């Protein structure tokens, strides 16, 4: 949600709403002030040459609220946004977008603590599932699980590669009882009912292909190195 398109800064002052605060010699809002916009929103904080700039608090008519830093009317720097659905983002902003490091708390209690780019989870981060206590730790791209990561559960965890939110390729399950199951996830095509135009529709299903069970080994990047070599050798023996 952006407050940059509010009615506070209208053409020729026709939609400026009410303002109480400091001004500069040119009559522009400059310093500390409070503005009540014609759309019902309210901003209280710092201005510079007529624009929200510095620390401030913006109340939206729908119940949302932003508390943090501004740069030329845009959320920029460190700030916290409270959304109407009860969710909350606390972290870095760049030109009105969540970008950099931040923590997002969702309405169901889940949290994501990690990197953001253009309003989406992107980079390294940890997602905690409130209901189950499980978490995912690893890489994200455009809001989806991508590249290396691991799902951590109460009694075991899965380490491997992810593509488009799903595990794919080499990986391993590590169990708290002291063993590991190595293998890989593959796509298996399954035929479905005849489609509207007479063709057979199909859908991709993920299959876990176990290869070996071993004792616990030092953690390594599952996308390469010794584990990949071992799994290639196992595959060749099948």
C-alpha atoms as a PDB file:
ATOM      1  CA  UNK A   1       0.000   0.000   0.000  1.00  0.00           C
ATOM      2  CA  UNK A   2       1.361   3.407  -0.969  1.00  0.00           C
ATOM      3  CA  UNK A   3       0.461   6.756   0.516  1.00  0.00           C
ATOM      4  CA  UNK A   4       2.378   8.618  -2.177  1.00  0.00           C
ATOM      5  CA  UNK A   5      -0.807   9.074  -4.205  1.00  0.00           C
ATOM      6  CA  UNK A   6      -2.797  10.688  -1.421  1.00  0.00           C
ATOM      7  CA  UNK A   7      -4.643  13.958  -1.908  1.00  0.00           C
ATOM      8  CA  UNK A   8      -2.289  15.884   0.338  1.00  0.00           C
ATOM      9  CA  UNK A   9      -0.337  17.312  -2.579  1.00  0.00           C
ATOM     10  CA  UNK A  10      -2.881  18.480  -5.141  1.00  0.00           C
ATOM     11  CA  UNK A  11      -2.560  20.873  -8.045  1.00  0.00           C
ATOM     12  CA  UNK A  12      -2.285  24.525  -7.040  1.00  0.00           C
ATOM     13  CA  UNK A  13      -3.245  23.695  -3.470  1.00  0.00           C
ATOM     14  CA  UNK A  14      -6.791  22.633  -4.377  1.00  0.00           C
ATOM     15  CA  UNK A  15      -6.520  19.342  -2.463  1.00  0.00           C
ATOM     16  CA  UNK A  16      -4.046  20.139   0.268  1.00  0.00           C
ATOM     17  CA  UNK A  17      -6.471  19.459   3.099  1.00  0.00           C
ATOM     18  CA  UNK A  18      -5.731  20.901   6.529  1.00  0.00           C
ATOM     19  CA  UNK A  19      -2.194  21.498   7.774  1.00  0.00           C
ATOM     20  CA  UNK A  20      -0.806  22.719  11.061  1.00  0.00           C
ATOM     21  CA  UNK A  21       2.928  23.095  11.480  1.00  0.00           C
ATOM     22  CA  UNK A  22       6.188  24.628  10.336  1.00  0.00           C
ATOM     23  CA  UNK A  23       6.830  26.238   6.959  1.00  0.00           C
ATOM     24  CA  UNK A  24       9.880  27.657   5.204  1.00  0.00           C
ATOM     25  CA  UNK A  25      10.291  31.145   3.726  1.00  0.00           C
ATOM     26  CA  UNK A  26       8.656  29.979   0.496  1.00  0.00           C
ATOM     27  CA  UNK A  27       5.539  28.959   2.414  1.00  0.00           C
ATOM     28  CA  UNK A  28       6.148  25.261   1.876  1.00  0.00           C
ATOM     29  CA  UNK A  29       5.598  22.707   4.605  1.00  0.00           C
ATOM     30  CA  UNK A  30       9.014  22.376   6.186  1.00  0.00           C
ATOM     31  CA  UNK A  31       9.916  21.050   9.617  1.00  0.00           C
ATOM     32  CA  UNK A  32       7.365  19.292  11.800  1.00  0.00           C
ATOM     33  CA  UNK A  33       3.673  19.337  11.053  1.00  0.00           C
ATOM     34  CA  UNK A  34       0.337  17.564  11.031  1.00  0.00           C
ATOM     35  CA  UNK A  35      -1.855  17.182   7.957  1.00  0.00           C
ATOM     36  CA  UNK A  36      -5.441  15.978   7.643  1.00  0.00           C
ATOM     37  CA  UNK A  37      -6.023  14.961   4.059  1.00  0.00           C
ATOM     38  CA  UNK A  38      -9.333  15.387   2.244  1.00  0.00           C
ATOM     39  CA  UNK A  39      -9.586  11.579   1.820  1.00  0.00           C
ATOM     40  CA  UNK A  40      -9.546  11.098   5.598  1.00  0.00           C
ATOM     41  CA  UNK A  41      -5.912  10.011   5.921  1.00  0.00           C
ATOM     42  CA  UNK A  42      -3.640  11.781   8.393  1.00  0.00           C
ATOM     43  CA  UNK A  43       0.107  12.351   8.511  1.00  0.00           C
ATOM     44  CA  UNK A  44       2.103  13.688  11.422  1.00  0.00           C
ATOM     45  CA  UNK A  45       5.838  14.099  11.206  1.00  0.00           C
ATOM     46  CA  UNK A  46       8.661  15.781   9.370  1.00  0.00           C
ATOM     47  CA  UNK A  47       8.525  17.713   6.096  1.00  0.00           C
ATOM     48  CA  UNK A  48      11.160  19.135   3.802  1.00  0.00           C
ATOM     49  CA  UNK A  49      10.345  21.644   1.058  1.00  0.00           C
ATOM     50  CA  UNK A  50       6.704  20.596   0.966  1.00  0.00           C
ATOM     51  CA  UNK A  51       7.180  16.822   1.032  1.00  0.00           C
ATOM     52  CA  UNK A  52       7.056  14.171   3.723  1.00  0.00           C
ATOM     53  CA  UNK A  53      10.707  13.688   4.512  1.00  0.00           C
ATOM     54  CA  UNK A  54      12.225  12.210   7.662  1.00  0.00           C
ATOM     55  CA  UNK A  55      10.420  10.457  10.500  1.00  0.00           C
ATOM     56  CA  UNK A  56       6.641  10.363  10.470  1.00  0.00           C
ATOM     57  CA  UNK A  57       3.411   8.450  11.087  1.00  0.00           C
ATOM     58  CA  UNK A  58       0.767   8.023   8.403  1.00  0.00           C
ATOM     59  CA  UNK A  59      -2.755   6.849   9.349  1.00  0.00           C
ATOM     60  CA  UNK A  60      -4.886   5.457   6.533  1.00  0.00           C
ATOM     61  CA  UNK A  61      -8.651   5.748   6.603  1.00  0.00           C
ATOM     62  CA  UNK A  62      -8.966   1.943   6.241  1.00  0.00           C
ATOM     63  CA  UNK A  63      -7.114   1.379   9.530  1.00  0.00           C
ATOM     64  CA  UNK A  64      -3.619   0.796   8.164  1.00  0.00           C
ATOM     65  CA  UNK A  65      -0.704   2.708   9.657  1.00  0.00           C
ATOM     66  CA  UNK A  66       2.915   3.353   8.745  1.00  0.00           C
ATOM     67  CA  UNK A  67       5.482   4.508  11.301  1.00  0.00           C
ATOM     68  CA  UNK A  68       8.929   5.197   9.980  1.00  0.00           C
ATOM     69  CA  UNK A  69      11.157   7.128   7.632  1.00  0.00           C
ATOM     70  CA  UNK A  70      10.169   9.011   4.491  1.00  0.00           C
ATOM     71  CA  UNK A  71      12.112  10.352   1.549  1.00  0.00           C
ATOM     72  CA  UNK A  72      10.339  12.772  -0.800  1.00  0.00           C
ATOM     73  CA  UNK A  73       6.853  11.428   0.073  1.00  0.00           C
ATOM     74  CA  UNK A  74       7.918   7.779  -0.199  1.00  0.00           C
ATOM     75  CA  UNK A  75       8.447   5.228   2.547  1.00  0.00           C
ATOM     76  CA  UNK A  76      12.210   4.924   2.484  1.00  0.00           C
ATOM     77  CA  UNK A  77      14.556   3.668   5.196  1.00  0.00           C
ATOM     78  CA  UNK A  78      13.403   1.843   8.314  1.00  0.00           C
ATOM     79  CA  UNK A  79       9.718   1.626   9.126  1.00  0.00           C
ATOM     80  CA  UNK A  80       6.817  -0.509  10.309  1.00  0.00           C
ATOM     81  CA  UNK A  81       3.585  -0.939   8.370  1.00  0.00           C
ATOM     82  CA  UNK A  82       0.486  -2.205  10.190  1.00  0.00           C
ATOM     83  CA  UNK A  83      -2.014  -3.672   7.715  1.00  0.00           C
ATOM     84  CA  UNK A  84      -5.809  -3.748   8.190  1.00  0.00           C
ATOM     85  CA  UNK A  85      -5.869  -7.580   8.281  1.00  0.00           C
ATOM     86  CA  UNK A  86      -3.620  -7.633  11.371  1.00  0.00           C
ATOM     87  CA  UNK A  87      -0.381  -8.408   9.573  1.00  0.00           C
ATOM     88  CA  UNK A  88       2.724  -6.309  10.108  1.00  0.00           C
ATOM     89  CA  UNK A  89       5.980  -5.593   8.298  1.00  0.00           C
ATOM     90  CA  UNK A  90       8.967  -4.163  10.150  1.00  0.00           C
ATOM     91  CA  UNK A  91      12.137  -3.465   8.274  1.00  0.00           C
ATOM     92  CA  UNK A  92      13.730  -1.726   5.329  1.00  0.00           C
ATOM     93  CA  UNK A  93      11.886   0.219   2.609  1.00  0.00           C
ATOM     94  CA  UNK A  94      13.116   1.579  -0.716  1.00  0.00           C
ATOM     95  CA  UNK A  95      10.885   4.004  -2.630  1.00  0.00           C
ATOM     96  CA  UNK A  96       7.620   2.727  -1.094  1.00  0.00           C
ATOM     97  CA  UNK A  97       8.562  -0.957  -1.493  1.00  0.00           C
ATOM     98  CA  UNK A  98       9.645  -3.592   1.035  1.00  0.00           C
ATOM     99  CA  UNK A  99      13.302  -4.024   0.148  1.00  0.00           C
ATOM    100  CA  UNK A 100      16.324  -5.117   2.155  1.00  0.00           C
ATOM    101  CA  UNK A 101      15.964  -6.972   5.449  1.00  0.00           C
ATOM    102  CA  UNK A 102      12.604  -7.149   7.168  1.00  0.00           C
ATOM    103  CA  UNK A 103      10.245  -9.240   9.296  1.00  0.00           C
ATOM    104  CA  UNK A 104       6.669  -9.850   8.169  1.00  0.00           C
ATOM    105  CA  UNK A 105       4.126 -11.234  10.637  1.00  0.00           C
ATOM    106  CA  UNK A 106       1.056 -12.731   8.937  1.00  0.00           C
ATOM    107  CA  UNK A 107      -2.525 -12.802  10.283  1.00  0.00           C
ATOM    108  CA  UNK A 108      -2.267 -16.532  11.108  1.00  0.00           C
ATOM    109  CA  UNK A 109       0.878 -16.002  13.209  1.00  0.00           C
ATOM    110  CA  UNK A 110       3.406 -17.149  10.583  1.00  0.00           C
ATOM    111  CA  UNK A 111       6.524 -15.009  10.254  1.00  0.00           C
ATOM    112  CA  UNK A 112       9.130 -14.418   7.578  1.00  0.00           C
ATOM    113  CA  UNK A 113      12.487 -12.991   8.628  1.00  0.00           C
ATOM    114  CA  UNK A 114      14.802 -12.290   5.750  1.00  0.00           C
ATOM    115  CA  UNK A 115      15.560 -10.392   2.579  1.00  0.00           C
ATOM    116  CA  UNK A 116      13.067  -8.595   0.334  1.00  0.00           C
ATOM    117  CA  UNK A 117      13.199  -7.157  -3.166  1.00  0.00           C
ATOM    118  CA  UNK A 118      10.462  -5.117  -4.855  1.00  0.00           C
ATOM    119  CA  UNK A 119       7.886  -6.008  -2.170  1.00  0.00           C
ATOM    120  CA  UNK A 120       8.549  -9.779  -2.439  1.00  0.00           C
ATOM    121  CA  UNK A 121      10.572 -12.331  -0.452  1.00  0.00           C
ATOM    122  CA  UNK A 122      13.839 -12.560  -2.329  1.00  0.00           C
ATOM    123  CA  UNK A 123      17.234 -13.762  -1.077  1.00  0.00           C
ATOM    124  CA  UNK A 124      17.979 -15.596   2.169  1.00  0.00           C
ATOM    125  CA  UNK A 125      15.255 -15.927   4.772  1.00  0.00           C
ATOM    126  CA  UNK A 126      13.498 -18.041   7.391  1.00  0.00           C
ATOM    127  CA  UNK A 127       9.754 -18.713   7.323  1.00  0.00           C
ATOM    128  CA  UNK A 128       8.194 -19.952  10.580  1.00  0.00           C
ATOM    129  CA  UNK A 129       4.882 -21.847  10.460  1.00  0.00           C
ATOM    130  CA  UNK A 130       2.986 -20.894  13.612  1.00  0.00           C
ATOM    131  CA  UNK A 131       0.527 -23.810  13.658  1.00  0.00           C
ATOM    132  CA  UNK A 132       3.026 -26.656  13.227  1.00  0.00           C
ATOM    133  CA  UNK A 133       6.224 -25.110  14.584  1.00  0.00           C
ATOM    134  CA  UNK A 134       8.054 -26.086  11.391  1.00  0.00           C
ATOM    135  CA  UNK A 135      10.185 -23.660   9.436  1.00  0.00           C
ATOM    136  CA  UNK A 136      11.859 -23.239   6.069  1.00  0.00           C
ATOM    137  CA  UNK A 137      15.356 -21.802   5.923  1.00  0.00           C
ATOM    138  CA  UNK A 138      16.954 -21.009   2.614  1.00  0.00           C
ATOM    139  CA  UNK A 139      16.737 -19.110  -0.651  1.00  0.00           C
ATOM    140  CA  UNK A 140      13.815 -17.240  -2.174  1.00  0.00           C
ATOM    141  CA  UNK A 141      13.229 -15.654  -5.559  1.00  0.00           C
ATOM    142  CA  UNK A 142      10.200 -13.548  -6.537  1.00  0.00           C
ATOM    143  CA  UNK A 143       8.346 -14.695  -3.440  1.00  0.00           C
ATOM    144  CA  UNK A 144       8.913 -18.427  -4.013  1.00  0.00           C
ATOM    145  CA  UNK A 145      11.275 -21.087  -2.651  1.00  0.00           C
ATOM    146  CA  UNK A 146      14.165 -21.365  -5.065  1.00  0.00           C
ATOM    147  CA  UNK A 147      17.635 -22.967  -5.048  1.00  0.00           C
ATOM    148  CA  UNK A 148      19.022 -24.530  -1.848  1.00  0.00           C
ATOM    149  CA  UNK A 149      17.103 -24.688   1.418  1.00  0.00           C
ATOM    150  CA  UNK A 150      15.765 -26.906   4.155  1.00  0.00           C
ATOM    151  CA  UNK A 151      12.475 -27.688   5.833  1.00  0.00           C
ATOM    152  CA  UNK A 152      12.935 -28.211   9.570  1.00  0.00           C
ATOM    153  CA  UNK A 153      10.306 -30.211  11.473  1.00  0.00           C
ATOM    154  CA  UNK A 154      10.091 -31.441  15.060  1.00  0.00           C
ATOM    155  CA  UNK A 155      11.733 -34.827  14.451  1.00  0.00           C
ATOM    156  CA  UNK A 156      13.409 -34.513  11.058  1.00  0.00           C
ATOM    157  CA  UNK A 157      14.395 -32.098   8.335  1.00  0.00           C
ATOM    158  CA  UNK A 158      14.756 -32.104   4.565  1.00  0.00           C
ATOM    159  CA  UNK A 159      17.721 -30.477   2.837  1.00  0.00           C
ATOM    160  CA  UNK A 160      17.884 -30.036  -0.895  1.00  0.00           C
ATOM    161  CA  UNK A 161      17.102 -27.911  -3.906  1.00  0.00           C
ATOM    162  CA  UNK A 162      13.814 -26.173  -4.597  1.00  0.00           C
ATOM    163  CA  UNK A 163      12.243 -24.995  -7.838  1.00  0.00           C
ATOM    164  CA  UNK A 164       9.077 -22.901  -7.952  1.00  0.00           C
ATOM    165  CA  UNK A 165       8.172 -23.623  -4.305  1.00  0.00           C
ATOM    166  CA  UNK A 166       8.719 -27.403  -4.578  1.00  0.00           C
ATOM    167  CA  UNK A 167      11.662 -29.672  -3.750  1.00  0.00           C
ATOM    168  CA  UNK A 168      13.359 -30.901  -6.902  1.00  0.00           C
ATOM    169  CA  UNK A 169      16.558 -32.820  -7.593  1.00  0.00           C
ATOM    170  CA  UNK A 170      19.077 -34.133  -5.082  1.00  0.00           C
ATOM    171  CA  UNK A 171      18.371 -33.944  -1.373  1.00  0.00           C
ATOM    172  CA  UNK A 172      18.260 -35.821   1.895  1.00  0.00           C
ATOM    173  CA  UNK A 173      16.048 -36.387   4.912  1.00  0.00           C
ATOM    174  CA  UNK A 174      17.857 -36.096   8.229  1.00  0.00           C
ATOM    175  CA  UNK A 175      16.177 -37.849  11.166  1.00  0.00           C
ATOM    176  CA  UNK A 176      16.756 -37.119  14.841  1.00  0.00           C
ATOM    177  CA  UNK A 177      17.183 -40.844  15.527  1.00  0.00           C
ATOM    178  CA  UNK A 178      20.606 -40.576  13.917  1.00  0.00           C
ATOM    179  CA  UNK A 179      20.271 -41.516  10.246  1.00  0.00           C
ATOM    180  CA  UNK A 180      19.815 -39.927   6.837  1.00  0.00           C
ATOM    181  CA  UNK A 181      17.940 -40.978   3.725  1.00  0.00           C
ATOM    182  CA  UNK A 182      19.540 -39.714   0.515  1.00  0.00           C
ATOM    183  CA  UNK A 183      17.703 -39.471  -2.764  1.00  0.00           C
ATOM    184  CA  UNK A 184      16.087 -37.050  -5.177  1.00  0.00           C
ATOM    185  CA  UNK A 185      12.750 -35.617  -6.171  1.00  0.00           C
ATOM    186  CA  UNK A 186      11.637 -36.129  -9.766  1.00  0.00           C
ATOM    187  CA  UNK A 187       8.601 -35.098 -11.762  1.00  0.00           C
ATOM    188  CA  UNK A 188       6.356 -37.939 -12.891  1.00  0.00           C
ATOM    189  CA  UNK A 189       3.664 -37.295 -15.496  1.00  0.00           C
ATOM    190  CA  UNK A 190       0.239 -38.714 -14.714  1.00  0.00           C
ATOM    191  CA  UNK A 191      -2.482 -38.925 -17.369  1.00  0.00           C
ATOM    192  CA  UNK A 192      -5.801 -37.384 -16.456  1.00  0.00           C
ATOM    193  CA  UNK A 193      -9.280 -37.443 -17.987  1.00  0.00           C
ATOM    194  CA  UNK A 194      -9.858 -36.360 -21.583  1.00  0.00           C
ATOM    195  CA  UNK A 195      -9.865 -32.590 -21.910  1.00  0.00           C
ATOM    196  CA  UNK A 196     -12.363 -30.253 -23.518  1.00  0.00           C
ATOM    197  CA  UNK A 197     -10.755 -30.543 -26.951  1.00  0.00           C
ATOM    198  CA  UNK A 198     -10.290 -34.307 -26.884  1.00  0.00           C
ATOM    199  CA  UNK A 199      -6.663 -34.292 -25.763  1.00  0.00           C
ATOM    200  CA  UNK A 200      -5.428 -36.035 -22.614  1.00  0.00           C
ATOM    201  CA  UNK A 201      -4.520 -33.546 -19.923  1.00  0.00           C
ATOM    202  CA  UNK A 202      -1.581 -34.354 -17.664  1.00  0.00           C
ATOM    203  CA  UNK A 203      -0.170 -32.956 -14.464  1.00  0.00           C
ATOM    204  CA  UNK A 204       3.284 -33.142 -12.912  1.00  0.00           C
ATOM    205  CA  UNK A 205       3.552 -35.059  -9.640  1.00  0.00           C
ATOM    206  CA  UNK A 206       6.637 -35.021  -7.433  1.00  0.00           C
ATOM    207  CA  UNK A 207       8.073 -38.421  -6.566  1.00  0.00           C
ATOM    208  CA  UNK A 208      10.735 -39.001  -3.912  1.00  0.00           C
ATOM    209  CA  UNK A 209      13.281 -41.565  -5.160  1.00  0.00           C
ATOM    210  CA  UNK A 210      15.251 -42.943  -2.159  1.00  0.00           C
ATOM    211  CA  UNK A 211      18.818 -44.028  -2.868  1.00  0.00           C
ATOM    212  CA  UNK A 212      20.535 -44.892   0.379  1.00  0.00           C
ATOM    213  CA  UNK A 213      20.339 -44.703   4.163  1.00  0.00           C
ATOM    214  CA  UNK A 214      23.447 -43.633   6.066  1.00  0.00           C
ATOM    215  CA  UNK A 215      24.528 -42.365   9.439  1.00  0.00           C
ATOM    216  CA  UNK A 216      24.670 -38.652  10.070  1.00  0.00           C
ATOM    217  CA  UNK A 217      27.174 -36.793   7.896  1.00  0.00           C
ATOM    218  CA  UNK A 218      28.517 -33.225   8.112  1.00  0.00           C
ATOM    219  CA  UNK A 219      26.167 -30.748   6.448  1.00  0.00           C
ATOM    220  CA  UNK A 220      27.168 -29.932   2.895  1.00  0.00           C
ATOM    221  CA  UNK A 221      25.578 -28.094   0.004  1.00  0.00           C
ATOM    222  CA  UNK A 222      23.179 -30.662  -1.437  1.00  0.00           C
ATOM    223  CA  UNK A 223      23.490 -29.104  -4.883  1.00  0.00           C
ATOM    224  CA  UNK A 224      27.034 -30.350  -5.367  1.00  0.00           C
ATOM    225  CA  UNK A 225      30.145 -31.849  -3.844  1.00  0.00           C
ATOM    226  CA  UNK A 226      30.364 -35.259  -2.246  1.00  0.00           C
ATOM    227  CA  UNK A 227      26.642 -35.907  -1.969  1.00  0.00           C
ATOM    228  CA  UNK A 228      26.024 -35.319  -5.670  1.00  0.00           C
ATOM    229  CA  UNK A 229      28.906 -37.625  -6.573  1.00  0.00           C
ATOM    230  CA  UNK A 230      27.589 -40.340  -4.272  1.00  0.00           C
ATOM    231  CA  UNK A 231      24.080 -40.117  -5.667  1.00  0.00           C
ATOM    232  CA  UNK A 232      25.329 -40.243  -9.240  1.00  0.00           C
ATOM    233  CA  UNK A 233      27.220 -43.427  -8.385  1.00  0.00           C
ATOM    234  CA  UNK A 234      24.114 -44.927  -6.781  1.00  0.00           C
ATOM    235  CA  UNK A 235      22.040 -44.014  -9.826  1.00  0.00           C
ATOM    236  CA  UNK A 236      24.531 -45.705 -12.122  1.00  0.00           C
ATOM    237  CA  UNK A 237      24.245 -48.914 -10.101  1.00  0.00           C
ATOM    238  CA  UNK A 238      20.415 -49.041 -10.425  1.00  0.00           C
END
